[in-house]
Amino acid sequence: MIDSAVLRPGRFDKILFVGIPRSNDRCDILKALTKELAVLTEGYTGADLAGLVRQAAMKAFKEYLLVSTDDSGDIKVTKDNFLQALSETKPSVSSE
């Protein structure tokens, strides 16, 4: 949905419809968005990464309960939530 004020003459030269990405496109988007996390989680197992995601989600949920004025019910897990969770979640396997 686009606000009609944005569509007034002189705002945009062209309007393009961008459809919903297909499965492989969504995978590419997720890869690009999580590349930094992959670098920061050297040595983490699949279970460690799943725990990291859960921890970040819990941080987002707590933040939502404490400070959100958004009544839509949408909880957003942010990069900061992941970075906070990363500071508390360590790999379960050591290099030794």
PDB file of N, CA and C in Angstrom:
ATOM      1  N   MET A   1       0.846  -1.163   0.000  1.00  0.00           N
ATOM      2  CA  MET A   1       0.000   0.000   0.000  1.00  0.00           C
ATOM      3  C   MET A   1       0.895   1.231   0.000  1.00  0.00           C
ATOM      4  N   ILE A   2       0.553   2.178  -0.833  1.00  0.00           N
ATOM      5  CA  ILE A   2       1.339   3.395  -0.973  1.00  0.00           C
ATOM      6  C   ILE A   2       0.454   4.590  -0.644  1.00  0.00           C
ATOM      7  N   ASP A   3       0.977   5.470   0.187  1.00  0.00           N
ATOM      8  CA  ASP A   3       0.262   6.698   0.541  1.00  0.00           C
ATOM      9  C   ASP A   3       0.033   7.508  -0.730  1.00  0.00           C
ATOM     10  N   SER A   4      -1.167   8.021  -0.905  1.00  0.00           N
ATOM     11  CA  SER A   4      -1.492   8.758  -2.127  1.00  0.00           C
ATOM     12  C   SER A   4      -0.654  10.030  -2.277  1.00  0.00           C
ATOM     13  N   ALA A   5      -0.170  10.601  -1.171  1.00  0.00           N
ATOM     14  CA  ALA A   5       0.676  11.801  -1.249  1.00  0.00           C
ATOM     15  C   ALA A   5       1.988  11.487  -1.962  1.00  0.00           C
ATOM     16  N   VAL A   6       2.458  10.274  -1.825  1.00  0.00           N
ATOM     17  CA  VAL A   6       3.702   9.878  -2.472  1.00  0.00           C
ATOM     18  C   VAL A   6       3.507   9.752  -3.976  1.00  0.00           C
ATOM     19  N   LEU A   7       2.298   9.482  -4.407  1.00  0.00           N
ATOM     20  CA  LEU A   7       2.014   9.262  -5.820  1.00  0.00           C
ATOM     21  C   LEU A   7       1.691  10.548  -6.592  1.00  0.00           C
ATOM     22  N   ARG A   8       1.717  11.693  -5.916  1.00  0.00           N
ATOM     23  CA  ARG A   8       1.433  12.956  -6.620  1.00  0.00           C
ATOM     24  C   ARG A   8       2.481  13.200  -7.701  1.00  0.00           C
ATOM     25  N   PRO A   9       2.116  13.909  -8.759  1.00  0.00           N
ATOM     26  CA  PRO A   9       3.062  14.193  -9.842  1.00  0.00           C
ATOM     27  C   PRO A   9       4.338  14.871  -9.312  1.00  0.00           C
ATOM     28  N   GLY A  10       5.452  14.462  -9.873  1.00  0.00           N
ATOM     29  CA  GLY A  10       6.726  15.051  -9.505  1.00  0.00           C
ATOM     30  C   GLY A  10       7.455  14.307  -8.398  1.00  0.00           C
ATOM     31  N   ARG A  11       6.816  13.357  -7.757  1.00  0.00           N
ATOM     32  CA  ARG A  11       7.449  12.615  -6.662  1.00  0.00           C
ATOM     33  C   ARG A  11       8.351  11.506  -7.205  1.00  0.00           C
ATOM     34  N   PHE A  12       7.813  10.717  -8.085  1.00  0.00           N
ATOM     35  CA  PHE A  12       8.557   9.604  -8.670  1.00  0.00           C
ATOM     36  C   PHE A  12       8.333   9.600 -10.171  1.00  0.00           C
ATOM     37  N   ASP A  13       9.381   9.259 -10.918  1.00  0.00           N
ATOM     38  CA  ASP A  13       9.236   9.163 -12.368  1.00  0.00           C
ATOM     39  C   ASP A  13       8.567   7.862 -12.768  1.00  0.00           C
ATOM     40  N   LYS A  14       8.904   6.789 -12.081  1.00  0.00           N
ATOM     41  CA  LYS A  14       8.370   5.464 -12.416  1.00  0.00           C
ATOM     42  C   LYS A  14       7.959   4.746 -11.134  1.00  0.00           C
ATOM     43  N   ILE A  15       6.941   3.948 -11.258  1.00  0.00           N
ATOM     44  CA  ILE A  15       6.523   3.095 -10.157  1.00  0.00           C
ATOM     45  C   ILE A  15       6.678   1.665 -10.626  1.00  0.00           C
ATOM     46  N   LEU A  16       7.446   0.889  -9.887  1.00  0.00           N
ATOM     47  CA  LEU A  16       7.691  -0.504 -10.246  1.00  0.00           C
ATOM     48  C   LEU A  16       7.055  -1.423  -9.222  1.00  0.00           C
ATOM     49  N   PHE A  17       6.436  -2.472  -9.686  1.00  0.00           N
ATOM     50  CA  PHE A  17       5.899  -3.479  -8.784  1.00  0.00           C
ATOM     51  C   PHE A  17       6.989  -4.512  -8.529  1.00  0.00           C
ATOM     52  N   VAL A  18       7.262  -4.744  -7.264  1.00  0.00           N
ATOM     53  CA  VAL A  18       8.232  -5.763  -6.879  1.00  0.00           C
ATOM     54  C   VAL A  18       7.457  -6.836  -6.130  1.00  0.00           C
ATOM     55  N   GLY A  19       7.404  -8.013  -6.709  1.00  0.00           N
ATOM     56  CA  GLY A  19       6.635  -9.095  -6.121  1.00  0.00           C
ATOM     57  C   GLY A  19       7.314  -9.704  -4.897  1.00  0.00           C
ATOM     58  N   ILE A  20       6.629 -10.616  -4.289  1.00  0.00           N
ATOM     59  CA  ILE A  20       7.158 -11.332  -3.127  1.00  0.00           C
ATOM     60  C   ILE A  20       8.240 -12.293  -3.610  1.00  0.00           C
ATOM     61  N   PRO A  21       9.386 -12.312  -2.928  1.00  0.00           N
ATOM     62  CA  PRO A  21      10.477 -13.172  -3.396  1.00  0.00           C
ATOM     63  C   PRO A  21      10.137 -14.658  -3.287  1.00  0.00           C
ATOM     64  N   ARG A  22      10.674 -15.418  -4.228  1.00  0.00           N
ATOM     65  CA  ARG A  22      10.508 -16.874  -4.212  1.00  0.00           C
ATOM     66  C   ARG A  22      11.430 -17.475  -3.167  1.00  0.00           C
ATOM     67  N   SER A  23      11.290 -18.751  -2.917  1.00  0.00           N
ATOM     68  CA  SER A  23      12.041 -19.441  -1.868  1.00  0.00           C
ATOM     69  C   SER A  23      13.551 -19.247  -2.001  1.00  0.00           C
ATOM     70  N   ASN A  24      14.099 -19.487  -3.199  1.00  0.00           N
ATOM     71  CA  ASN A  24      15.547 -19.346  -3.368  1.00  0.00           C
ATOM     72  C   ASN A  24      15.984 -17.888  -3.222  1.00  0.00           C
ATOM     73  N   ASP A  25      15.127 -16.939  -3.601  1.00  0.00           N
ATOM     74  CA  ASP A  25      15.442 -15.522  -3.424  1.00  0.00           C
ATOM     75  C   ASP A  25      15.438 -15.151  -1.939  1.00  0.00           C
ATOM     76  N   ARG A  26      14.472 -15.692  -1.191  1.00  0.00           N
ATOM     77  CA  ARG A  26      14.435 -15.436   0.253  1.00  0.00           C
ATOM     78  C   ARG A  26      15.679 -15.990   0.919  1.00  0.00           C
ATOM     79  N   CYS A  27      16.127 -17.146   0.455  1.00  0.00           N
ATOM     80  CA  CYS A  27      17.347 -17.754   0.985  1.00  0.00           C
ATOM     81  C   CYS A  27      18.544 -16.828   0.736  1.00  0.00           C
ATOM     82  N   ASP A  28      18.635 -16.273  -0.449  1.00  0.00           N
ATOM     83  CA  ASP A  28      19.722 -15.344  -0.773  1.00  0.00           C
ATOM     84  C   ASP A  28      19.662 -14.092   0.096  1.00  0.00           C
ATOM     85  N   ILE A  29      18.457 -13.588   0.319  1.00  0.00           N
ATOM     86  CA  ILE A  29      18.289 -12.401   1.168  1.00  0.00           C
ATOM     87  C   ILE A  29      18.744 -12.710   2.588  1.00  0.00           C
ATOM     88  N   LEU A  30      18.316 -13.855   3.118  1.00  0.00           N
ATOM     89  CA  LEU A  30      18.712 -14.237   4.479  1.00  0.00           C
ATOM     90  C   LEU A  30      20.226 -14.427   4.585  1.00  0.00           C
ATOM     91  N   LYS A  31      20.820 -15.007   3.560  1.00  0.00           N
ATOM     92  CA  LYS A  31      22.277 -15.177   3.561  1.00  0.00           C
ATOM     93  C   LYS A  31      22.981 -13.830   3.626  1.00  0.00           C
ATOM     94  N   ALA A  32      22.514 -12.899   2.834  1.00  0.00           N
ATOM     95  CA  ALA A  32      23.144 -11.568   2.811  1.00  0.00           C
ATOM     96  C   ALA A  32      22.970 -10.850   4.148  1.00  0.00           C
ATOM     97  N   LEU A  33      21.788 -10.976   4.725  1.00  0.00           N
ATOM     98  CA  LEU A  33      21.506 -10.273   5.981  1.00  0.00           C
ATOM     99  C   LEU A  33      22.221 -10.885   7.179  1.00  0.00           C
ATOM    100  N   THR A  34      22.551 -12.161   7.104  1.00  0.00           N
ATOM    101  CA  THR A  34      23.166 -12.826   8.257  1.00  0.00           C
ATOM    102  C   THR A  34      24.658 -13.075   8.073  1.00  0.00           C
ATOM    103  N   LYS A  35      25.232 -12.540   7.017  1.00  0.00           N
ATOM    104  CA  LYS A  35      26.657 -12.759   6.750  1.00  0.00           C
ATOM    105  C   LYS A  35      27.528 -12.299   7.922  1.00  0.00           C
ATOM    106  N   GLU A  36      27.197 -11.146   8.511  1.00  0.00           N
ATOM    107  CA  GLU A  36      27.981 -10.645   9.646  1.00  0.00           C
ATOM    108  C   GLU A  36      27.905 -11.602  10.827  1.00  0.00           C
ATOM    109  N   LEU A  37      26.721 -12.144  11.061  1.00  0.00           N
ATOM    110  CA  LEU A  37      26.575 -13.100  12.170  1.00  0.00           C
ATOM    111  C   LEU A  37      27.410 -14.344  11.928  1.00  0.00           C
ATOM    112  N   ALA A  38      27.509 -14.771  10.690  1.00  0.00           N
ATOM    113  CA  ALA A  38      28.314 -15.951  10.374  1.00  0.00           C
ATOM    114  C   ALA A  38      29.772 -15.708  10.725  1.00  0.00           C
ATOM    115  N   VAL A  39      30.257 -14.512  10.468  1.00  0.00           N
ATOM    116  CA  VAL A  39      31.642 -14.174  10.793  1.00  0.00           C
ATOM    117  C   VAL A  39      31.850 -14.142  12.303  1.00  0.00           C
ATOM    118  N   LEU A  40      30.867 -13.625  13.034  1.00  0.00           N
ATOM    119  CA  LEU A  40      30.980 -13.470  14.489  1.00  0.00           C
ATOM    120  C   LEU A  40      30.761 -14.762  15.262  1.00  0.00           C
ATOM    121  N   THR A  41      30.299 -15.813  14.592  1.00  0.00           N
ATOM    122  CA  THR A  41      29.970 -17.055  15.293  1.00  0.00           C
ATOM    123  C   THR A  41      30.883 -18.209  14.904  1.00  0.00           C
ATOM    124  N   GLU A  42      32.125 -17.903  14.657  1.00  0.00           N
ATOM    125  CA  GLU A  42      33.115 -18.940  14.331  1.00  0.00           C
ATOM    126  C   GLU A  42      33.145 -19.969  15.464  1.00  0.00           C
ATOM    127  N   GLY A  43      33.046 -21.245  15.112  1.00  0.00           N
ATOM    128  CA  GLY A  43      33.099 -22.314  16.095  1.00  0.00           C
ATOM    129  C   GLY A  43      31.748 -22.725  16.659  1.00  0.00           C
ATOM    130  N   TYR A  44      30.689 -22.023  16.301  1.00  0.00           N
ATOM    131  CA  TYR A  44      29.359 -22.367  16.801  1.00  0.00           C
ATOM    132  C   TYR A  44      28.803 -23.570  16.027  1.00  0.00           C
ATOM    133  N   THR A  45      28.158 -24.473  16.741  1.00  0.00           N
ATOM    134  CA  THR A  45      27.498 -25.609  16.098  1.00  0.00           C
ATOM    135  C   THR A  45      26.094 -25.188  15.657  1.00  0.00           C
ATOM    136  N   GLY A  46      25.410 -26.077  14.958  1.00  0.00           N
ATOM    137  CA  GLY A  46      24.023 -25.806  14.580  1.00  0.00           C
ATOM    138  C   GLY A  46      23.146 -25.569  15.802  1.00  0.00           C
ATOM    139  N   ALA A  47      23.363 -26.367  16.853  1.00  0.00           N
ATOM    140  CA  ALA A  47      22.593 -26.200  18.099  1.00  0.00           C
ATOM    141  C   ALA A  47      22.928 -24.861  18.757  1.00  0.00           C
ATOM    142  N   ASP A  48      24.205 -24.473  18.715  1.00  0.00           N
ATOM    143  CA  ASP A  48      24.600 -23.177  19.273  1.00  0.00           C
ATOM    144  C   ASP A  48      23.904 -22.037  18.540  1.00  0.00           C
ATOM    145  N   LEU A  49      23.836 -22.136  17.219  1.00  0.00           N
ATOM    146  CA  LEU A  49      23.188 -21.097  16.412  1.00  0.00           C
ATOM    147  C   LEU A  49      21.687 -21.055  16.688  1.00  0.00           C
ATOM    148  N   ALA A  50      21.072 -22.218  16.853  1.00  0.00           N
ATOM    149  CA  ALA A  50      19.646 -22.263  17.197  1.00  0.00           C
ATOM    150  C   ALA A  50      19.417 -21.597  18.550  1.00  0.00           C
ATOM    151  N   GLY A  51      20.317 -21.847  19.493  1.00  0.00           N
ATOM    152  CA  GLY A  51      20.219 -21.211  20.806  1.00  0.00           C
ATOM    153  C   GLY A  51      20.393 -19.701  20.707  1.00  0.00           C
ATOM    154  N   LEU A  52      21.288 -19.268  19.842  1.00  0.00           N
ATOM    155  CA  LEU A  52      21.507 -17.840  19.629  1.00  0.00           C
ATOM    156  C   LEU A  52      20.238 -17.176  19.096  1.00  0.00           C
ATOM    157  N   VAL A  53      19.595 -17.833  18.145  1.00  0.00           N
ATOM    158  CA  VAL A  53      18.351 -17.295  17.575  1.00  0.00           C
ATOM    159  C   VAL A  53      17.269 -17.218  18.657  1.00  0.00           C
ATOM    160  N   ARG A  54      17.140 -18.262  19.473  1.00  0.00           N
ATOM    161  CA  ARG A  54      16.146 -18.251  20.562  1.00  0.00           C
ATOM    162  C   ARG A  54      16.441 -17.130  21.556  1.00  0.00           C
ATOM    163  N   GLN A  55      17.713 -16.973  21.906  1.00  0.00           N
ATOM    164  CA  GLN A  55      18.114 -15.936  22.856  1.00  0.00           C
ATOM    165  C   GLN A  55      17.795 -14.544  22.301  1.00  0.00           C
ATOM    166  N   ALA A  56      18.091 -14.311  21.032  1.00  0.00           N
ATOM    167  CA  ALA A  56      17.786 -13.022  20.403  1.00  0.00           C
ATOM    168  C   ALA A  56      16.275 -12.781  20.376  1.00  0.00           C
ATOM    169  N   ALA A  57      15.511 -13.825  20.095  1.00  0.00           N
ATOM    170  CA  ALA A  57      14.051 -13.698  20.074  1.00  0.00           C
ATOM    171  C   ALA A  57      13.516 -13.367  21.463  1.00  0.00           C
ATOM    172  N   MET A  58      14.070 -13.980  22.500  1.00  0.00           N
ATOM    173  CA  MET A  58      13.635 -13.684  23.866  1.00  0.00           C
ATOM    174  C   MET A  58      13.968 -12.239  24.235  1.00  0.00           C
ATOM    175  N   LYS A  59      15.123 -11.769  23.815  1.00  0.00           N
ATOM    176  CA  LYS A  59      15.496 -10.375  24.076  1.00  0.00           C
ATOM    177  C   LYS A  59      14.516  -9.430  23.387  1.00  0.00           C
ATOM    178  N   ALA A  60      14.146  -9.736  22.161  1.00  0.00           N
ATOM    179  CA  ALA A  60      13.185  -8.912  21.437  1.00  0.00           C
ATOM    180  C   ALA A  60      11.826  -8.935  22.131  1.00  0.00           C
ATOM    181  N   PHE A  61      11.415 -10.094  22.617  1.00  0.00           N
ATOM    182  CA  PHE A  61      10.127 -10.231  23.305  1.00  0.00           C
ATOM    183  C   PHE A  61      10.114  -9.418  24.589  1.00  0.00           C
ATOM    184  N   LYS A  62      11.184  -9.518  25.369  1.00  0.00           N
ATOM    185  CA  LYS A  62      11.268  -8.748  26.617  1.00  0.00           C
ATOM    186  C   LYS A  62      11.262  -7.250  26.338  1.00  0.00           C
ATOM    187  N   GLU A  63      11.997  -6.847  25.313  1.00  0.00           N
ATOM    188  CA  GLU A  63      12.037  -5.440  24.916  1.00  0.00           C
ATOM    189  C   GLU A  63      10.641  -4.968  24.513  1.00  0.00           C
ATOM    190  N   TYR A  64       9.944  -5.800  23.770  1.00  0.00           N
ATOM    191  CA  TYR A  64       8.582  -5.474  23.336  1.00  0.00           C
ATOM    192  C   TYR A  64       7.667  -5.274  24.543  1.00  0.00           C
ATOM    193  N   LEU A  65       7.773  -6.175  25.525  1.00  0.00           N
ATOM    194  CA  LEU A  65       6.919  -6.078  26.707  1.00  0.00           C
ATOM    195  C   LEU A  65       7.231  -4.841  27.547  1.00  0.00           C
ATOM    196  N   LEU A  66       8.493  -4.448  27.585  1.00  0.00           N
ATOM    197  CA  LEU A  66       8.904  -3.334  28.436  1.00  0.00           C
ATOM    198  C   LEU A  66       8.680  -1.957  27.816  1.00  0.00           C
ATOM    199  N   VAL A  67       8.947  -1.826  26.528  1.00  0.00           N
ATOM    200  CA  VAL A  67       8.968  -0.475  25.961  1.00  0.00           C
ATOM    201  C   VAL A  67       8.055  -0.254  24.773  1.00  0.00           C
ATOM    202  N   SER A  68       7.454  -1.270  24.237  1.00  0.00           N
ATOM    203  CA  SER A  68       6.714  -1.089  22.997  1.00  0.00           C
ATOM    204  C   SER A  68       5.386  -0.394  23.221  1.00  0.00           C
ATOM    205  N   THR A  69       5.100   0.548  22.334  1.00  0.00           N
ATOM    206  CA  THR A  69       3.782   1.172  22.296  1.00  0.00           C
ATOM    207  C   THR A  69       3.012   0.690  21.069  1.00  0.00           C
ATOM    208  N   ASP A  70       3.638  -0.209  20.320  1.00  0.00           N
ATOM    209  CA  ASP A  70       3.036  -0.777  19.111  1.00  0.00           C
ATOM    210  C   ASP A  70       2.005  -1.812  19.528  1.00  0.00           C
ATOM    211  N   ASP A  71       0.760  -1.578  19.209  1.00  0.00           N
ATOM    212  CA  ASP A  71      -0.288  -2.512  19.606  1.00  0.00           C
ATOM    213  C   ASP A  71      -0.643  -3.505  18.508  1.00  0.00           C
ATOM    214  N   SER A  72       0.196  -3.589  17.474  1.00  0.00           N
ATOM    215  CA  SER A  72      -0.087  -4.512  16.370  1.00  0.00           C
ATOM    216  C   SER A  72       0.236  -5.954  16.744  1.00  0.00           C
ATOM    217  N   GLY A  73       1.046  -6.126  17.788  1.00  0.00           N
ATOM    218  CA  GLY A  73       1.447  -7.469  18.184  1.00  0.00           C
ATOM    219  C   GLY A  73       2.665  -7.972  17.442  1.00  0.00           C
ATOM    220  N   ASP A  74       3.230  -7.148  16.567  1.00  0.00           N
ATOM    221  CA  ASP A  74       4.420  -7.542  15.815  1.00  0.00           C
ATOM    222  C   ASP A  74       5.663  -7.353  16.673  1.00  0.00           C
ATOM    223  N   ILE A  75       6.422  -8.409  16.833  1.00  0.00           N
ATOM    224  CA  ILE A  75       7.679  -8.342  17.571  1.00  0.00           C
ATOM    225  C   ILE A  75       8.793  -8.481  16.551  1.00  0.00           C
ATOM    226  N   LYS A  76       9.729  -7.555  16.574  1.00  0.00           N
ATOM    227  CA  LYS A  76      10.813  -7.553  15.589  1.00  0.00           C
ATOM    228  C   LYS A  76      12.130  -7.875  16.281  1.00  0.00           C
ATOM    229  N   VAL A  77      12.831  -8.876  15.770  1.00  0.00           N
ATOM    230  CA  VAL A  77      14.154  -9.223  16.271  1.00  0.00           C
ATOM    231  C   VAL A  77      15.151  -8.403  15.467  1.00  0.00           C
ATOM    232  N   THR A  78      15.930  -7.577  16.164  1.00  0.00           N
ATOM    233  CA  THR A  78      16.834  -6.656  15.503  1.00  0.00           C
ATOM    234  C   THR A  78      18.278  -7.152  15.561  1.00  0.00           C
ATOM    235  N   LYS A  79      19.131  -6.470  14.827  1.00  0.00           N
ATOM    236  CA  LYS A  79      20.555  -6.764  14.864  1.00  0.00           C
ATOM    237  C   LYS A  79      21.072  -6.596  16.285  1.00  0.00           C
ATOM    238  N   ASP A  80      20.612  -5.560  16.981  1.00  0.00           N
ATOM    239  CA  ASP A  80      21.042  -5.349  18.370  1.00  0.00           C
ATOM    240  C   ASP A  80      20.647  -6.522  19.263  1.00  0.00           C
ATOM    241  N   ASN A  81      19.456  -7.091  19.043  1.00  0.00           N
ATOM    242  CA  ASN A  81      19.050  -8.269  19.817  1.00  0.00           C
ATOM    243  C   ASN A  81      20.020  -9.416  19.593  1.00  0.00           C
ATOM    244  N   PHE A  82      20.436  -9.606  18.335  1.00  0.00           N
ATOM    245  CA  PHE A  82      21.399 -10.669  18.033  1.00  0.00           C
ATOM    246  C   PHE A  82      22.753 -10.381  18.663  1.00  0.00           C
ATOM    247  N   LEU A  83      23.197  -9.137  18.607  1.00  0.00           N
ATOM    248  CA  LEU A  83      24.499  -8.799  19.184  1.00  0.00           C
ATOM    249  C   LEU A  83      24.489  -8.955  20.703  1.00  0.00           C
ATOM    250  N   GLN A  84      23.386  -8.596  21.347  1.00  0.00           N
ATOM    251  CA  GLN A  84      23.256  -8.801  22.798  1.00  0.00           C
ATOM    252  C   GLN A  84      23.283 -10.292  23.120  1.00  0.00           C
ATOM    253  N   ALA A  85      22.530 -11.078  22.358  1.00  0.00           N
ATOM    254  CA  ALA A  85      22.499 -12.525  22.583  1.00  0.00           C
ATOM    255  C   ALA A  85      23.875 -13.133  22.336  1.00  0.00           C
ATOM    256  N   LEU A  86      24.577 -12.616  21.356  1.00  0.00           N
ATOM    257  CA  LEU A  86      25.910 -13.125  21.031  1.00  0.00           C
ATOM    258  C   LEU A  86      26.882 -12.891  22.182  1.00  0.00           C
ATOM    259  N   SER A  87      26.721 -11.785  22.882  1.00  0.00           N
ATOM    260  CA  SER A  87      27.608 -11.500  24.013  1.00  0.00           C
ATOM    261  C   SER A  87      27.374 -12.464  25.173  1.00  0.00           C
ATOM    262  N   GLU A  88      26.221 -13.122  25.199  1.00  0.00           N
ATOM    263  CA  GLU A  88      25.879 -14.049  26.279  1.00  0.00           C
ATOM    264  C   GLU A  88      25.929 -15.514  25.853  1.00  0.00           C
ATOM    265  N   THR A  89      26.070 -15.768  24.570  1.00  0.00           N
ATOM    266  CA  THR A  89      26.036 -17.134  24.044  1.00  0.00           C
ATOM    267  C   THR A  89      27.408 -17.473  23.462  1.00  0.00           C
ATOM    268  N   LYS A  90      28.004 -18.503  23.978  1.00  0.00           N
ATOM    269  CA  LYS A  90      29.327 -18.908  23.519  1.00  0.00           C
ATOM    270  C   LYS A  90      29.234 -20.278  22.836  1.00  0.00           C
ATOM    271  N   PRO A  91      30.197 -20.593  21.979  1.00  0.00           N
ATOM    272  CA  PRO A  91      30.171 -21.906  21.316  1.00  0.00           C
ATOM    273  C   PRO A  91      30.344 -23.031  22.331  1.00  0.00           C
ATOM    274  N   SER A  92      29.689 -24.143  22.084  1.00  0.00           N
ATOM    275  CA  SER A  92      29.752 -25.269  23.024  1.00  0.00           C
ATOM    276  C   SER A  92      30.954 -26.167  22.757  1.00  0.00           C
ATOM    277  N   VAL A  93      31.617 -25.972  21.623  1.00  0.00           N
ATOM    278  CA  VAL A  93      32.768 -26.801  21.259  1.00  0.00           C
ATOM    279  C   VAL A  93      33.991 -25.888  21.188  1.00  0.00           C
ATOM    280  N   SER A  94      35.064 -26.295  21.872  1.00  0.00           N
ATOM    281  CA  SER A  94      36.280 -25.492  21.823  1.00  0.00           C
ATOM    282  C   SER A  94      37.193 -25.982  20.691  1.00  0.00           C
ATOM    283  N   SER A  95      38.158 -25.173  20.333  1.00  0.00           N
ATOM    284  CA  SER A  95      39.063 -25.540  19.238  1.00  0.00           C
ATOM    285  C   SER A  95      39.984 -26.689  19.622  1.00  0.00           C
ATOM    286  N   GLU A  96      40.168 -26.926  20.907  1.00  0.00           N
ATOM    287  CA  GLU A  96      40.994 -28.051  21.348  1.00  0.00           C
ATOM    288  C   GLU A  96      40.270 -29.343  21.090  1.00  0.00           C
TER     289      GLU A  96
END
